[in-house]
Amino acid sequence: MPRILFLCARNRLRSPTAEHVFAGRPGLETDSAGVNRDAEVPVSAEHVVWADVVVVMERRHEAKLRRDFGKPLKNKRVVCLDIPDDYDYMEPALVTLLQQRAKRFLPPS
């Protein structure tokens, strides 16, 4: 069962929305965290080790993740969705965008 970790900056809007949207999909486990120290749930090495795929919302999140967790990320697939911080939690436009962009790396539902 693939384990997907969704990351944004503060784990308040985009990554928790992604976790919620995909949590009910059969055959997937999801979690979310933030790359900033003041995140609701700051990403840890344990998160990275747990995940099969790490999904970031912006390239800067990937850069920060690689800087802070380079060793645990060594053999992990990292996907950037290029979704800016312009959405509220569970905003329909964000949900649609997540579903569209996740098609390329998630198994069909």
Protein backbone atom coordinates (compact mmCIF):
# COMPACT_ATOMS: atom_id res chain seq x y z
CA MET A 1 0.00 0.00 0.00
CA PRO A 2 1.70 3.24 -1.11
CA ARG A 3 2.28 5.84 1.59
CA ILE A 4 2.05 9.44 0.40
CA LEU A 5 3.35 12.39 2.43
CA PHE A 6 1.99 15.80 1.42
CA LEU A 7 4.02 18.87 2.37
CA CYS A 8 3.46 22.60 2.24
CA ALA A 9 4.97 25.41 4.30
CA ARG A 10 2.87 25.49 7.46
CA ASN A 11 0.61 22.41 7.17
CA ARG A 12 -2.53 24.50 7.54
CA LEU A 13 -4.17 24.68 4.10
CA ARG A 14 -2.75 22.84 1.10
CA SER A 15 -1.12 19.71 2.55
CA PRO A 16 -3.94 18.96 5.04
CA THR A 17 -6.42 19.38 2.18
CA ALA A 18 -4.43 16.91 0.07
CA GLU A 19 -4.21 14.46 2.97
CA HIS A 20 -7.97 14.68 3.48
CA VAL A 21 -8.85 14.40 -0.22
CA PHE A 22 -6.76 11.28 -0.80
CA ALA A 23 -7.16 9.62 2.63
CA GLY A 24 -10.30 7.81 1.55
CA ARG A 25 -8.78 6.36 -1.59
CA PRO A 26 -8.48 2.58 -1.33
CA GLY A 27 -4.94 1.28 -1.28
CA LEU A 28 -3.32 4.52 -0.10
CA GLU A 29 -2.06 5.79 3.21
CA THR A 30 -1.67 9.55 3.54
CA ASP A 31 -0.12 12.01 5.94
CA SER A 32 0.80 15.68 5.85
CA ALA A 33 3.27 18.05 7.45
CA GLY A 34 4.94 21.41 6.89
CA VAL A 35 8.52 22.32 6.08
CA ASN A 36 8.53 25.46 8.27
CA ARG A 37 9.44 25.25 11.94
CA ASP A 38 6.14 26.94 12.88
CA ALA A 39 4.05 24.38 10.96
CA GLU A 40 1.07 22.77 12.67
CA VAL A 41 2.94 19.47 12.24
CA PRO A 42 6.58 20.07 11.29
CA VAL A 43 8.03 17.45 8.96
CA SER A 44 10.41 15.02 10.63
CA ALA A 45 12.84 12.37 9.47
CA GLU A 46 10.25 9.81 10.60
CA HIS A 47 7.72 11.27 8.15
CA VAL A 48 10.21 11.03 5.30
CA VAL A 49 11.26 7.48 6.16
CA TRP A 50 7.57 6.42 6.38
CA ALA A 51 6.66 7.80 2.93
CA ASP A 52 7.02 6.04 -0.40
CA VAL A 53 6.29 9.29 -2.25
CA VAL A 54 6.78 12.82 -0.92
CA VAL A 55 4.59 15.45 -2.55
CA VAL A 56 5.48 19.11 -2.16
CA MET A 57 3.34 22.04 -3.20
CA GLU A 58 6.20 24.32 -4.36
CA ARG A 59 9.82 23.93 -5.51
CA ARG A 60 11.03 25.90 -2.50
CA HIS A 61 9.50 23.23 -0.23
CA GLU A 62 11.46 20.57 -2.07
CA ALA A 63 14.69 22.57 -1.72
CA LYS A 64 14.15 23.00 2.02
CA LEU A 65 13.25 19.33 2.39
CA ARG A 66 16.38 18.21 0.54
CA ARG A 67 18.53 20.55 2.61
CA ASP A 68 17.10 19.33 5.93
CA PHE A 69 16.48 15.64 5.12
CA GLY A 70 18.90 14.78 2.31
CA LYS A 71 19.92 11.39 3.66
CA PRO A 72 16.40 9.98 4.35
CA LEU A 73 15.26 11.37 0.97
CA LYS A 74 18.05 9.68 -0.97
CA ASN A 75 15.91 6.94 -2.56
CA LYS A 76 12.51 8.62 -2.30
CA ARG A 77 10.38 9.89 -5.13
CA VAL A 78 9.64 13.60 -4.66
CA VAL A 79 6.87 15.19 -6.72
CA CYS A 80 6.18 18.92 -6.95
CA LEU A 81 2.59 19.95 -7.74
CA ASP A 82 3.41 23.65 -8.28
CA ILE A 83 0.38 24.84 -6.31
CA PRO A 84 0.82 28.34 -4.86
CA ASP A 85 -0.40 29.37 -1.42
CA ASP A 86 -3.58 30.97 -2.83
CA TYR A 87 -6.23 28.64 -1.44
CA ASP A 88 -8.16 27.98 1.75
CA TYR A 89 -8.49 24.59 3.41
CA MET A 90 -10.76 22.33 1.33
CA GLU A 91 -11.49 25.12 -1.17
CA PRO A 92 -13.16 23.44 -4.17
CA ALA A 93 -10.66 24.95 -6.63
CA LEU A 94 -7.78 23.52 -4.56
CA VAL A 95 -9.42 20.09 -4.37
CA THR A 96 -9.89 20.06 -8.16
CA LEU A 97 -6.30 21.14 -8.76
CA LEU A 98 -4.95 18.47 -6.40
CA GLN A 99 -6.99 15.77 -8.11
CA GLN A 100 -5.83 16.86 -11.57
CA ARG A 101 -2.14 17.10 -10.70
CA ALA A 102 -2.03 13.93 -8.62
CA LYS A 103 -3.17 11.75 -11.52
CA ARG A 104 0.40 11.39 -12.75
CA PHE A 105 1.71 9.66 -9.63
CA LEU A 106 -1.24 8.11 -7.76
CA PRO A 107 -2.78 4.80 -8.69
CA PRO A 108 -6.30 5.09 -10.17
CA SER A 109 -9.09 5.16 -7.62
